[in-house]
Amino acid sequence: MSDPRPVDRPSGSLPRRYVLGLLVAGGATALLAACGANGAAATSVSVTMESNGPATTAAPTTAAVSNAASTVAATTAASNAAATSTAKAAATTGAASAAPTAVPAVTAQDIKIIDTGANLPTDKVTLHWLQSGPGPKGIFQAQFFKAYQAAHPNISIDFQELPWANISQVLPLGIQNGNAPDIFQLPPAISGAQAVSQGWVTPLDDLIPNMTEWKKAFPTGAFIEGITMFNGKTYSFPLSSNMRYDTLTLYNLDAMQKAGYDPASKPFTWDEFRQAAKKLTAQGNGKYYGLLLEGKDTTRFTSWVQNLAQMAGAIGGAMNWKTGEYNYASDEFLAAMNLLLAIKSDGSIFPGSLSLNAAQARAQIPQGSAAMILQGPWNIPQWEQTSPNFKFGVASQPVPNSGPALPLTYAPGGSNLYWLYNKSKLGAVAGDLFDQLGTLPNQIGLAKVGGVSDPAIFPQALQQAHLDALQTKASTLFDQQLRVAPSPDVRNPDVSVAEAEMHHLTPDIGETLQGIYTGQISNAKQALQDLVDRSNKELDRAIKAAQAKGAKVTRDDWVFPNWDPTKDYSPDDYAALKG
């Protein structure tokens, strides 16, 4: 199921785990070197981002949006304005005197638009692209799309970034109404297998020029059955690696130093984290709080509780891969939820947290609303870009009060998967765009902007990005605290048939945890056990449905008795299960 640094890593040093996370998914496929790009010189672009989150320079071009997206965008923009107004009224700046290193600009040399040989339309067309954001990848992509449009004046790119919660509303509605964007990222609750089985998406094999050679440029394991491939056809590709986690302790450096803490040198334990939030709130004296949570997004409750619980002993996160049993009702999940409730009861959480999504919450920290937030590494380049005078620190998420802090896990394959709508009439344009994004020069351009926040899928691209001290800190933490998890999809491609049969549960884990936090659910243990029971029932039902379709899949495919959660799960481990 699926992210800490004081010294720059040498540019030629690549974490073994970065590559292994891809290798374990690739079976016997050879590791192939990435190819460069040939052809037309890059076009230099400079645009301003229009988004639903904090202002960001050098980002997406403005364009008309679809009816569904524009409705959500308007609602979100209004919410942003209200949240910003509230935060400003409640906050004072803990501003810094020394600015962190600025995010590198994307230059003409970083973007290469080549002639791929695609059979592109000659009339005027507009391709609609929807993804999560705003974020570092969007800064690069806005420049990339501008360059692409300069090379192809008849093609316009309507580039939209929305929070995941909004994508989860807008995209299914667009699919239902037959007017979804041409290219999109799937909502977190929808798997690739489900999107394929329900006819949301179409294969890319006949659309990306020189598909076989193009795929060889990616690291081994980027294309695997059940994740990016289904029934032997390629439906998606990963723009970036997923070796990161999204609950780093990010903090106002001045406020933290004034309170006498240095979590970058010694991570907070759970108890210390609670005490720090309480002390920082008192120190703020009504001007800022100890902790800010983006409580509007239910997926964020999933991340906070699951990551805290996993490091405390709920190995695997949502599922214990050694036993194939769900962890939701475990003591560790309950304890992690109780930690958030305790910090809330102390009065240490920013009062407007439940009205904020992740992007809105991220924007409040430099403004002084709170001293700490638990989010991902994408905050680092965004704050450096939009708030260059804000001094902040990066540290591990809180660790258990006692005992070892177990590693978090990440799935093999990659991140930021893109899919083509099955009713799109612009498959050739989509294929050409995907081709361009899968070249080394453009991957290097992404790496220069995204760094560890959206690490390029090509390892050599990240090697050539010069990470600053804060990104180096985050990278070091990821190396120390992340391990590749077992994957039922890698073990048995027929698992994807069962996953396609699974129905989304309501309430899911994020909704359940949010309900516990707000007090709408009074018996946490009972609610989480009910979720376990419903999850088991649904998984068993989906497996039977897959078996009825001829899939050779059983519940045992979710059990990995030889898994050591302190180590990466490797190709040899998969092979040992068969032996």
Protein backbone atom coordinates (compact mmCIF):
# COMPACT_ATOMS: atom_id res chain seq x y z
CA MET A 1 0.00 0.00 0.00
CA SER A 2 1.71 2.09 -0.02
CA ASP A 3 9.32 10.83 3.34
CA PRO A 4 15.15 14.17 6.46
CA ARG A 5 19.11 16.12 5.69
CA PRO A 6 22.18 18.57 6.85
CA VAL A 7 24.91 17.71 4.33
CA ASP A 8 24.64 17.59 0.55
CA ARG A 9 24.87 14.11 -0.89
CA PRO A 10 27.48 13.78 -3.66
CA SER A 11 25.72 14.11 -6.98
CA GLY A 12 26.87 10.70 -8.15
CA SER A 13 25.55 8.80 -5.13
CA LEU A 14 22.22 7.06 -5.68
CA PRO A 15 20.47 5.18 -2.87
CA ARG A 16 20.38 1.46 -3.58
CA ARG A 17 16.83 1.43 -2.24
CA TYR A 18 15.67 3.92 -4.91
CA VAL A 19 16.59 1.46 -7.63
CA LEU A 20 15.49 -1.64 -5.71
CA GLY A 21 11.99 -0.22 -5.34
CA LEU A 22 11.77 -0.50 -9.09
CA LEU A 23 13.83 -3.67 -9.51
CA VAL A 24 11.59 -5.82 -7.31
CA ALA A 25 8.73 -5.13 -9.66
CA GLY A 26 10.62 -6.02 -12.81
CA GLY A 27 11.16 -9.76 -12.50
CA ALA A 28 13.74 -10.92 -15.04
CA THR A 29 13.70 -7.70 -17.05
CA ALA A 30 17.21 -6.26 -17.48
CA LEU A 31 18.14 -2.88 -16.05
CA LEU A 32 18.46 -0.61 -19.06
CA ALA A 33 20.14 2.76 -19.35
CA ALA A 34 17.94 5.75 -19.99
CA CYS A 35 18.20 7.39 -23.38
CA GLY A 36 18.62 11.06 -24.09
CA ALA A 37 16.55 13.21 -26.37
CA ASN A 38 17.38 14.39 -29.86
CA GLY A 39 15.83 16.99 -32.04
CA ALA A 40 14.52 20.48 -31.72
CA ALA A 41 16.05 22.99 -29.37
CA ALA A 42 14.11 23.76 -26.24
CA THR A 43 11.79 26.71 -25.99
CA SER A 44 12.20 29.10 -23.09
CA VAL A 45 8.99 29.91 -21.24
CA SER A 46 7.96 32.01 -18.26
CA VAL A 47 4.40 31.84 -16.98
CA THR A 48 2.44 32.48 -13.82
CA MET A 49 0.48 29.78 -12.06
CA GLU A 50 -3.24 30.08 -11.54
CA SER A 51 -4.22 27.48 -9.00
CA ASN A 52 -6.32 26.63 -6.01
CA GLY A 53 -3.42 26.71 -3.61
CA PRO A 54 -0.67 29.14 -2.65
CA ALA A 55 0.70 31.38 -5.36
CA THR A 56 3.56 29.77 -7.24
CA THR A 57 5.74 31.28 -9.92
CA ALA A 58 6.70 29.58 -13.16
CA ALA A 59 3.69 27.33 -13.24
CA PRO A 60 0.62 26.38 -15.26
CA THR A 61 -0.68 28.43 -18.11
CA THR A 62 -4.14 29.84 -17.58
CA ALA A 63 -6.91 28.29 -19.63
CA ALA A 64 -10.60 27.59 -19.65
CA VAL A 65 -11.62 24.70 -17.42
CA SER A 66 -14.31 22.08 -17.79
CA ASN A 67 -17.66 22.80 -16.17
CA ALA A 68 -17.13 20.27 -13.41
CA ALA A 69 -13.60 21.43 -12.64
CA SER A 70 -14.51 25.11 -12.71
CA THR A 71 -17.29 24.58 -10.18
CA VAL A 72 -14.93 22.89 -7.74
CA ALA A 73 -12.19 25.42 -8.47
CA ALA A 74 -14.48 28.31 -7.65
CA THR A 75 -15.59 26.67 -4.42
CA THR A 76 -12.00 25.88 -3.46
CA ALA A 77 -10.76 29.38 -4.30
CA ALA A 78 -13.41 30.88 -2.04
CA SER A 79 -12.46 28.45 0.70
CA ASN A 80 -8.79 29.37 0.25
CA ALA A 81 -9.57 33.06 0.59
CA ALA A 82 -11.58 32.49 3.76
CA ALA A 83 -8.92 30.25 5.26
CA THR A 84 -6.17 32.73 4.43
CA SER A 85 -8.15 35.56 5.98
CA THR A 86 -8.76 33.52 9.13
CA ALA A 87 -5.14 32.52 9.40
CA LYS A 88 -3.84 36.05 8.92
CA ALA A 89 -6.11 37.30 11.64
CA ALA A 90 -4.88 34.62 14.02
CA ALA A 91 -1.22 34.62 13.04
CA THR A 92 1.93 36.59 13.40
CA THR A 93 5.01 36.00 11.39
CA GLY A 94 7.82 33.96 12.84
CA ALA A 95 9.79 35.25 9.88
CA ALA A 96 13.40 34.55 9.18
CA SER A 97 16.31 36.76 8.47
CA ALA A 98 18.26 34.32 6.33
CA ALA A 99 16.57 32.88 3.26
CA PRO A 100 16.90 29.22 2.30
CA THR A 101 18.29 28.24 -1.08
CA ALA A 102 15.89 29.21 -3.86
CA VAL A 103 14.29 26.56 -6.04
CA PRO A 104 16.19 26.34 -9.34
CA ALA A 105 14.35 27.91 -12.25
CA VAL A 106 13.45 25.78 -15.24
CA THR A 107 15.49 27.12 -18.14
CA ALA A 108 15.32 26.62 -21.88
CA GLN A 109 18.07 24.03 -21.59
CA ASP A 110 15.94 21.98 -19.18
CA ILE A 111 13.09 21.41 -21.64
CA LYS A 112 13.50 19.52 -24.90
CA ILE A 113 10.59 19.20 -27.30
CA ILE A 114 11.51 16.69 -29.96
CA ASP A 115 9.91 15.29 -33.08
CA THR A 116 8.76 11.86 -31.95
CA GLY A 117 7.12 11.03 -35.25
CA ALA A 118 3.64 11.17 -33.73
CA ASN A 119 0.78 11.75 -36.15
CA LEU A 120 -0.43 14.96 -34.51
CA PRO A 121 -3.58 16.85 -35.54
CA THR A 122 -3.19 19.90 -37.78
CA ASP A 123 -6.39 21.67 -36.74
CA LYS A 124 -6.76 23.63 -33.51
CA VAL A 125 -7.38 21.33 -30.52
CA THR A 126 -7.34 21.59 -26.74
CA LEU A 127 -6.16 18.74 -24.52
CA HIS A 128 -7.40 18.78 -20.91
CA TRP A 129 -4.95 17.57 -18.23
CA LEU A 130 -5.96 17.11 -14.56
CA GLN A 131 -3.59 16.21 -11.74
CA SER A 132 -3.03 16.64 -8.03
CA GLY A 133 -1.47 19.85 -6.84
CA PRO A 134 -0.33 22.46 -6.77
CA GLY A 135 3.17 21.11 -6.29
CA PRO A 136 6.73 21.09 -7.63
CA LYS A 137 5.94 18.79 -10.54
CA GLY A 138 3.39 21.34 -11.72
CA ILE A 139 6.02 24.08 -11.79
CA PHE A 140 8.05 22.05 -14.26
CA GLN A 141 5.04 20.84 -16.24
CA ALA A 142 3.72 24.37 -16.74
CA GLN A 143 7.00 25.29 -18.40
CA PHE A 144 7.00 22.05 -20.34
CA PHE A 145 3.45 22.60 -21.63
CA LYS A 146 4.28 26.16 -22.61
CA ALA A 147 7.26 24.92 -24.60
CA TYR A 148 5.15 22.20 -26.18
CA GLN A 149 2.50 24.69 -27.24
CA ALA A 150 5.21 26.91 -28.73
CA ALA A 151 6.42 23.97 -30.80
CA HIS A 152 2.82 23.05 -31.76
CA PRO A 153 0.84 26.32 -31.96
CA ASN A 154 -2.38 24.57 -32.94
CA ILE A 155 -2.40 22.50 -29.73
CA SER A 156 -3.52 24.07 -26.45
CA ILE A 157 -3.05 22.40 -23.07
CA ASP A 158 -5.69 23.10 -20.41
CA PHE A 159 -3.58 22.24 -17.36
CA GLN A 160 -5.43 22.00 -14.03
CA GLU A 161 -4.14 21.08 -10.57
CA LEU A 162 -6.61 20.29 -7.78
CA PRO A 163 -6.36 18.82 -4.28
CA TRP A 164 -7.00 15.08 -4.11
CA ALA A 165 -10.33 15.61 -2.37
CA ASN A 166 -11.55 17.64 -5.34
CA ILE A 167 -10.19 15.19 -7.89
CA SER A 168 -12.12 12.47 -6.06
CA GLN A 169 -15.30 14.46 -6.73
CA VAL A 170 -14.63 15.93 -10.17
CA LEU A 171 -13.17 12.95 -12.03
CA PRO A 172 -15.87 10.34 -11.30
CA LEU A 173 -18.48 12.95 -12.20
CA GLY A 174 -16.68 13.65 -15.48
CA ILE A 175 -16.50 9.94 -16.25
CA GLN A 176 -20.19 9.54 -15.47
CA ASN A 177 -21.12 12.47 -17.70
CA GLY A 178 -18.76 11.47 -20.51
CA ASN A 179 -16.67 14.65 -20.35
CA ALA A 180 -13.65 13.74 -18.21
CA PRO A 181 -10.27 15.33 -18.94
CA ASP A 182 -8.17 13.66 -21.62
CA ILE A 183 -5.34 12.90 -19.19
CA PHE A 184 -5.71 12.54 -15.43
CA GLN A 185 -4.46 11.04 -12.22
CA LEU A 186 -6.80 8.61 -10.50
CA PRO A 187 -8.36 9.43 -7.12
CA PRO A 188 -6.56 7.65 -4.26
CA ALA A 189 -9.53 5.34 -3.66
CA ILE A 190 -9.60 4.10 -7.29
CA SER A 191 -6.98 1.55 -8.35
CA GLY A 192 -5.65 1.17 -11.86
CA ALA A 193 -7.28 -2.25 -12.03
CA GLN A 194 -10.66 -0.72 -11.23
CA ALA A 195 -10.21 2.07 -13.78
CA VAL A 196 -9.35 -0.48 -16.47
CA SER A 197 -12.17 -2.87 -15.65
CA GLN A 198 -14.72 -0.06 -15.52
CA GLY A 199 -13.62 1.32 -18.87
CA TRP A 200 -12.32 4.65 -17.64
CA VAL A 201 -8.98 4.42 -19.45
CA THR A 202 -7.43 3.17 -22.68
CA PRO A 203 -4.07 1.49 -23.49
CA LEU A 204 -1.11 3.54 -24.64
CA ASP A 205 0.74 0.88 -26.65
CA ASP A 206 -0.39 2.16 -30.07
CA LEU A 207 -0.19 5.83 -29.11
CA ILE A 208 3.35 6.41 -27.79
CA PRO A 209 5.81 6.49 -30.71
CA ASN A 210 8.51 3.81 -30.59
CA MET A 211 6.85 2.38 -27.50
CA THR A 212 9.28 -0.50 -26.99
CA GLU A 213 12.37 1.69 -27.06
CA TRP A 214 10.66 4.36 -24.97
CA LYS A 215 9.89 1.88 -22.19
CA LYS A 216 13.50 0.66 -22.18
CA ALA A 217 14.60 4.12 -21.04
CA PHE A 218 12.76 3.66 -17.72
CA PRO A 219 14.31 1.81 -14.77
CA THR A 220 13.41 -1.84 -14.40
CA GLY A 221 10.07 -2.24 -12.62
CA ALA A 222 8.47 0.98 -13.86
CA PHE A 223 6.09 -1.08 -15.99
CA ILE A 224 4.56 -4.02 -14.18
CA GLU A 225 1.41 -6.05 -14.54
CA GLY A 226 -1.27 -4.99 -12.11
CA ILE A 227 0.07 -1.46 -11.60
CA THR A 228 0.84 0.18 -14.95
CA MET A 229 0.05 -2.81 -17.19
CA PHE A 230 -3.07 -4.94 -17.45
CA ASN A 231 -3.58 -8.00 -19.63
CA GLY A 232 -0.23 -7.32 -21.27
CA LYS A 233 -1.14 -3.78 -22.32
CA THR A 234 0.40 -0.57 -21.01
CA TYR A 235 -2.15 1.82 -19.54
CA SER A 236 0.00 4.22 -17.57
CA PHE A 237 3.54 5.31 -16.72
CA PRO A 238 5.17 6.75 -13.58
CA LEU A 239 6.55 10.26 -13.87
CA SER A 240 8.39 9.95 -10.57
CA SER A 241 9.62 7.61 -7.86
CA ASN A 242 7.55 6.98 -4.73
CA MET A 243 10.47 6.63 -2.32
CA ARG A 244 9.22 9.25 0.14
CA TYR A 245 6.68 9.69 2.90
CA ASP A 246 4.20 12.44 3.61
CA THR A 247 4.35 12.96 7.38
CA LEU A 248 7.68 14.70 7.92
CA THR A 249 7.81 17.12 10.83
CA LEU A 250 8.15 20.51 9.14
CA TYR A 251 8.48 23.46 11.48
CA ASN A 252 9.05 27.17 11.95
CA LEU A 253 12.73 27.30 12.89
CA ASP A 254 12.57 30.51 14.93
CA ALA A 255 9.59 29.33 17.00
CA MET A 256 11.17 25.92 17.57
CA GLN A 257 14.52 27.35 18.65
CA LYS A 258 12.82 29.82 20.99
CA ALA A 259 11.03 26.88 22.63
CA GLY A 260 14.36 25.09 23.05
CA TYR A 261 13.81 22.16 20.68
CA ASP A 262 15.91 20.72 17.86
CA PRO A 263 13.94 17.84 16.29
CA ALA A 264 16.32 17.69 13.31
CA SER A 265 19.06 16.44 15.65
CA LYS A 266 16.83 14.23 17.79
CA PRO A 267 13.36 13.30 16.55
CA PHE A 268 10.42 13.93 18.86
CA THR A 269 8.94 10.90 20.56
CA TRP A 270 5.14 10.84 20.64
CA ASP A 271 5.09 12.30 24.15
CA GLU A 272 7.69 14.93 23.29
CA PHE A 273 5.73 15.89 20.19
CA ARG A 274 2.63 16.45 22.28
CA GLN A 275 4.57 18.47 24.84
CA ALA A 276 6.25 20.53 22.13
CA ALA A 277 2.88 21.34 20.53
CA LYS A 278 1.61 22.43 23.94
CA LYS A 279 4.66 24.57 24.72
CA LEU A 280 4.67 26.18 21.27
CA THR A 281 0.97 27.02 21.61
CA ALA A 282 1.59 28.69 24.97
CA GLN A 283 4.58 30.48 23.50
CA GLY A 284 2.39 31.77 20.66
CA ASN A 285 0.02 33.31 23.20
CA GLY A 286 -2.92 33.19 20.79
CA LYS A 287 -0.89 34.33 17.79
CA TYR A 288 0.10 30.86 16.62
CA TYR A 289 -0.51 27.24 17.62
CA GLY A 290 1.76 24.26 18.04
CA LEU A 291 0.34 22.12 15.25
CA LEU A 292 -1.75 22.58 12.13
CA LEU A 293 -3.66 19.71 10.51
CA GLU A 294 -5.28 19.76 7.08
CA GLY A 295 -8.33 18.07 8.54
CA LYS A 296 -10.65 18.67 5.61
CA ASP A 297 -8.85 15.94 3.65
CA THR A 298 -9.77 12.51 4.98
CA THR A 299 -6.75 11.00 3.21
CA ARG A 300 -4.50 13.02 5.50
CA PHE A 301 -5.96 11.34 8.58
CA THR A 302 -5.04 8.05 6.91
CA SER A 303 -1.43 9.17 6.46
CA TRP A 304 -0.97 10.58 9.98
CA VAL A 305 -2.41 7.62 11.84
CA GLN A 306 -1.13 4.90 9.53
CA ASN A 307 2.46 6.19 9.42
CA LEU A 308 2.64 6.79 13.17
CA ALA A 309 1.16 3.36 13.81
CA GLN A 310 3.44 1.60 11.35
CA MET A 311 6.59 3.04 12.87
CA ALA A 312 5.26 1.97 16.29
CA GLY A 313 4.73 -1.66 15.25
CA ALA A 314 1.73 -1.95 12.88
CA ILE A 315 4.03 -3.36 10.23
CA GLY A 316 2.94 -2.83 6.65
CA GLY A 317 0.61 0.04 7.48
CA ALA A 318 -2.92 -0.81 6.39
CA MET A 319 -2.13 -4.52 6.06
CA ASN A 320 0.35 -6.74 7.86
CA TRP A 321 2.05 -8.47 4.95
CA LYS A 322 3.34 -11.30 7.11
CA THR A 323 -0.20 -12.39 7.97
CA GLY A 324 -2.37 -10.76 5.31
CA GLU A 325 -4.54 -9.22 8.03
CA TYR A 326 -5.70 -5.61 8.21
CA ASN A 327 -4.09 -3.44 10.90
CA TYR A 328 -6.87 -0.87 11.30
CA ALA A 329 -8.04 -2.11 14.71
CA SER A 330 -4.56 -2.72 16.08
CA ASP A 331 -3.34 -1.19 19.33
CA GLU A 332 -0.89 0.93 17.34
CA PHE A 333 -3.62 2.49 15.16
CA LEU A 334 -5.70 3.28 18.23
CA ALA A 335 -2.70 4.75 20.05
CA ALA A 336 -1.81 6.97 17.09
CA MET A 337 -5.38 8.23 16.89
CA ASN A 338 -5.36 8.87 20.63
CA LEU A 339 -2.19 10.95 20.23
CA LEU A 340 -3.99 13.31 17.83
CA LEU A 341 -6.98 13.47 20.16
CA ALA A 342 -4.73 14.28 23.11
CA ILE A 343 -3.02 17.12 21.23
CA LYS A 344 -6.46 18.40 20.25
CA SER A 345 -7.69 18.25 23.86
CA ASP A 346 -4.62 20.25 24.94
CA GLY A 347 -5.79 23.07 22.67
CA SER A 348 -2.57 22.82 20.67
CA ILE A 349 -4.07 22.45 17.18
CA PHE A 350 -4.91 25.45 14.99
CA PRO A 351 -8.70 25.94 15.38
CA GLY A 352 -9.41 26.20 11.65
CA SER A 353 -7.69 22.94 10.77
CA LEU A 354 -10.85 21.04 9.84
CA SER A 355 -11.67 23.63 7.16
CA LEU A 356 -8.30 23.35 5.42
CA ASN A 357 -7.10 21.00 2.69
CA ALA A 358 -3.42 20.13 2.32
CA ALA A 359 -2.53 23.01 0.01
CA GLN A 360 -4.33 25.55 2.16
CA ALA A 361 -2.69 24.25 5.34
CA ARG A 362 0.73 24.30 3.69
CA ALA A 363 0.29 27.98 2.87
CA GLN A 364 -0.49 28.92 6.48
CA ILE A 365 2.80 27.79 8.02
CA PRO A 366 4.98 30.54 6.49
CA GLN A 367 2.26 33.03 7.47
CA GLY A 368 2.67 32.05 11.11
CA SER A 369 -0.55 30.18 11.90
CA ALA A 370 1.25 27.28 13.56
CA ALA A 371 4.76 26.14 14.37
CA MET A 372 4.52 22.56 13.04
CA ILE A 373 2.82 20.55 10.33
CA LEU A 374 3.10 16.88 9.32
CA GLN A 375 3.36 16.87 5.54
CA GLY A 376 5.59 15.74 2.70
CA PRO A 377 8.85 16.89 1.09
CA TRP A 378 7.01 18.86 -1.60
CA ASN A 379 6.64 21.64 0.99
CA ILE A 380 10.38 22.28 0.86
CA PRO A 381 10.71 23.66 -2.70
CA GLN A 382 7.31 25.34 -2.51
CA TRP A 383 8.18 27.30 0.64
CA GLU A 384 11.61 28.12 -0.73
CA GLN A 385 9.97 29.46 -3.88
CA THR A 386 6.96 31.29 -2.46
CA SER A 387 8.28 32.33 0.97
CA PRO A 388 12.04 32.84 0.54
CA ASN A 389 12.37 34.68 3.87
CA PHE A 390 10.71 31.93 5.89
CA LYS A 391 13.18 29.84 7.88
CA PHE A 392 12.03 26.30 8.51
CA GLY A 393 13.37 22.92 9.49
CA VAL A 394 12.85 19.31 8.40
CA ALA A 395 12.77 16.35 10.78
CA SER A 396 11.47 12.81 11.09
CA GLN A 397 7.86 12.21 11.94
CA PRO A 398 7.44 11.55 15.69
CA VAL A 399 8.88 8.19 16.74
CA PRO A 400 7.55 5.75 19.37
CA ASN A 401 8.14 6.51 23.04
CA SER A 402 9.97 3.22 23.49
CA GLY A 403 11.38 0.44 21.39
CA PRO A 404 12.78 0.69 17.88
CA ALA A 405 11.17 2.89 15.26
CA LEU A 406 10.29 0.45 12.51
CA PRO A 407 10.66 1.52 8.86
CA LEU A 408 7.76 2.77 6.81
CA THR A 409 7.08 1.01 3.53
CA TYR A 410 6.53 2.04 -0.04
CA ALA A 411 5.27 0.03 -2.97
CA PRO A 412 7.36 -1.03 -5.95
CA GLY A 413 6.75 0.77 -9.20
CA GLY A 414 6.54 4.53 -9.18
CA SER A 415 4.42 7.57 -8.43
CA ASN A 416 2.41 10.19 -10.30
CA LEU A 417 0.80 7.74 -12.71
CA TYR A 418 -1.03 9.30 -15.65
CA TRP A 419 -3.94 7.75 -17.54
CA LEU A 420 -5.70 8.48 -20.83
CA TYR A 421 -9.50 8.78 -20.83
CA ASN A 422 -11.02 6.09 -23.03
CA LYS A 423 -13.27 8.62 -24.78
CA SER A 424 -10.48 11.06 -25.54
CA LYS A 425 -10.08 11.96 -29.21
CA LEU A 426 -6.56 13.24 -28.66
CA GLY A 427 -4.70 9.98 -28.10
CA ALA A 428 -1.93 11.00 -30.49
CA VAL A 429 -1.28 14.21 -28.56
CA ALA A 430 -1.35 12.34 -25.25
CA GLY A 431 1.08 9.75 -26.57
CA ASP A 432 3.43 12.47 -27.81
CA LEU A 433 3.32 14.28 -24.45
CA PHE A 434 4.02 11.06 -22.54
CA ASP A 435 6.90 10.30 -24.92
CA GLN A 436 8.45 13.71 -24.28
CA LEU A 437 8.14 13.39 -20.50
CA GLY A 438 9.94 10.05 -20.65
CA THR A 439 13.20 11.48 -21.98
CA LEU A 440 16.29 12.15 -19.89
CA PRO A 441 16.53 15.94 -20.53
CA ASN A 442 12.94 16.50 -19.41
CA GLN A 443 13.38 14.17 -16.44
CA ILE A 444 16.40 16.25 -15.43
CA GLY A 445 14.25 19.37 -15.71
CA LEU A 446 11.70 17.77 -13.39
CA ALA A 447 14.44 16.74 -10.95
CA LYS A 448 15.86 20.27 -10.78
CA VAL A 449 12.51 21.62 -9.65
CA GLY A 450 11.06 18.68 -7.72
CA GLY A 451 14.18 17.29 -6.08
CA VAL A 452 13.08 14.78 -3.42
CA SER A 453 9.51 16.07 -3.36
CA ASP A 454 8.64 14.53 -6.72
CA PRO A 455 11.84 12.57 -7.47
CA ALA A 456 12.23 11.87 -11.17
CA ILE A 457 11.67 8.25 -12.16
CA PHE A 458 15.02 8.21 -13.98
CA PRO A 459 17.64 7.74 -11.22
CA GLN A 460 20.33 9.49 -13.26
CA ALA A 461 18.12 12.58 -13.47
CA LEU A 462 17.95 12.88 -9.68
CA GLN A 463 21.71 12.37 -9.54
CA GLN A 464 22.17 15.50 -11.63
CA ALA A 465 19.85 17.63 -9.48
CA HIS A 466 21.73 19.65 -6.87
CA LEU A 467 19.82 19.22 -3.62
CA ASP A 468 20.02 21.91 -0.96
CA ALA A 469 20.55 21.16 2.73
CA LEU A 470 16.83 20.77 3.57
CA GLN A 471 16.17 18.40 0.67
CA THR A 472 19.33 16.49 1.58
CA LYS A 473 17.95 16.12 5.11
CA ALA A 474 14.69 14.72 3.74
CA SER A 475 16.54 12.36 1.41
CA THR A 476 18.66 11.03 4.27
CA LEU A 477 15.54 10.33 6.32
CA PHE A 478 13.95 8.47 3.40
CA ASP A 479 17.05 6.31 3.03
CA GLN A 480 16.96 5.51 6.74
CA GLN A 481 13.24 5.10 7.29
CA LEU A 482 11.77 3.56 4.13
CA ARG A 483 11.83 0.00 2.86
CA VAL A 484 10.28 -1.60 -0.22
CA ALA A 485 7.15 -3.54 0.74
CA PRO A 486 5.96 -6.84 -0.70
CA SER A 487 3.36 -6.48 -3.45
CA PRO A 488 0.61 -9.01 -4.18
CA ASP A 489 0.47 -7.59 -7.74
CA VAL A 490 4.13 -8.34 -8.36
CA ARG A 491 3.82 -11.80 -6.84
CA ASN A 492 0.75 -12.73 -8.90
CA PRO A 493 -0.55 -10.58 -11.78
CA ASP A 494 -3.99 -12.20 -11.38
CA VAL A 495 -4.34 -10.19 -8.17
CA SER A 496 -5.25 -7.24 -10.39
CA VAL A 497 -8.42 -9.08 -11.43
CA ALA A 498 -9.53 -9.26 -7.80
CA GLU A 499 -8.57 -5.62 -7.21
CA ALA A 500 -10.70 -4.62 -10.17
CA GLU A 501 -13.66 -6.34 -8.52
CA MET A 502 -13.27 -4.52 -5.20
CA HIS A 503 -15.78 -1.84 -4.27
CA HIS A 504 -14.80 1.26 -2.35
CA LEU A 505 -15.92 1.03 1.26
CA THR A 506 -17.86 3.85 2.90
CA PRO A 507 -16.83 5.00 5.39
CA ASP A 508 -13.24 4.17 4.51
CA ILE A 509 -10.26 4.45 6.85
CA GLY A 510 -9.78 8.20 6.35
CA GLU A 511 -13.46 8.98 6.85
CA THR A 512 -13.56 6.77 9.94
CA LEU A 513 -10.53 8.46 11.50
CA GLN A 514 -11.89 11.91 10.71
CA GLY A 515 -15.17 10.91 12.36
CA ILE A 516 -13.31 9.80 15.48
CA TYR A 517 -11.37 13.07 15.56
CA THR A 518 -14.49 15.22 15.27
CA GLY A 519 -16.42 13.17 17.82
CA GLN A 520 -19.02 11.96 15.34
CA ILE A 521 -17.78 8.44 16.09
CA SER A 522 -17.62 7.82 19.82
CA ASN A 523 -16.37 4.22 19.94
CA ALA A 524 -13.09 4.21 18.02
CA LYS A 525 -12.24 0.56 18.64
CA GLN A 526 -15.64 -0.60 17.47
CA ALA A 527 -15.57 1.57 14.35
CA LEU A 528 -12.11 0.41 13.35
CA GLN A 529 -12.97 -3.25 13.98
CA ASP A 530 -16.07 -2.79 11.84
CA LEU A 531 -13.81 -1.45 9.07
CA VAL A 532 -11.57 -4.50 9.38
CA ASP A 533 -14.58 -6.80 9.14
CA ARG A 534 -15.96 -4.96 6.11
CA SER A 535 -12.53 -4.91 4.44
CA ASN A 536 -12.06 -8.65 4.92
CA LYS A 537 -15.53 -9.37 3.63
CA GLU A 538 -15.01 -7.22 0.54
CA LEU A 539 -11.59 -8.67 -0.23
CA ASP A 540 -12.93 -12.21 0.08
CA ARG A 541 -15.88 -11.36 -2.15
CA ALA A 542 -13.61 -9.80 -4.78
CA ILE A 543 -11.32 -12.85 -4.78
CA LYS A 544 -14.29 -15.16 -5.36
CA ALA A 545 -15.52 -12.93 -8.18
CA ALA A 546 -12.06 -13.01 -9.77
CA GLN A 547 -11.90 -16.78 -9.43
CA ALA A 548 -15.25 -17.04 -11.19
CA LYS A 549 -13.64 -15.20 -14.11
CA GLY A 550 -10.81 -17.71 -14.24
CA ALA A 551 -8.21 -15.79 -12.23
CA LYS A 552 -5.86 -17.96 -10.22
CA VAL A 553 -5.85 -15.90 -7.05
CA THR A 554 -6.35 -16.70 -3.38
CA ARG A 555 -6.09 -14.85 -0.07
CA ASP A 556 -2.61 -16.40 0.29
CA ASP A 557 -1.37 -13.98 -2.37
CA TRP A 558 -1.59 -11.27 0.30
CA VAL A 559 0.56 -13.25 2.78
CA PHE A 560 4.38 -12.98 2.74
CA PRO A 561 5.69 -15.12 5.62
CA ASN A 562 9.32 -14.45 4.67
CA TRP A 563 8.98 -10.66 4.90
CA ASP A 564 11.34 -8.85 7.25
CA PRO A 565 9.90 -5.31 7.69
CA THR A 566 13.38 -3.92 8.44
CA LYS A 567 14.62 -4.89 4.97
CA ASP A 568 13.65 -4.26 1.36
CA TYR A 569 11.54 -7.02 -0.13
CA SER A 570 13.62 -8.19 -3.08
CA PRO A 571 13.23 -10.35 -6.20
CA ASP A 572 14.98 -13.15 -4.29
CA ASP A 573 12.26 -12.99 -1.63
CA TYR A 574 9.54 -13.43 -4.27
CA ALA A 575 11.49 -16.33 -5.76
CA ALA A 576 11.81 -17.98 -2.34
CA LEU A 577 8.02 -18.11 -2.02
CA LYS A 578 7.85 -20.17 -5.19
CA GLY A 579 10.62 -22.49 -4.10
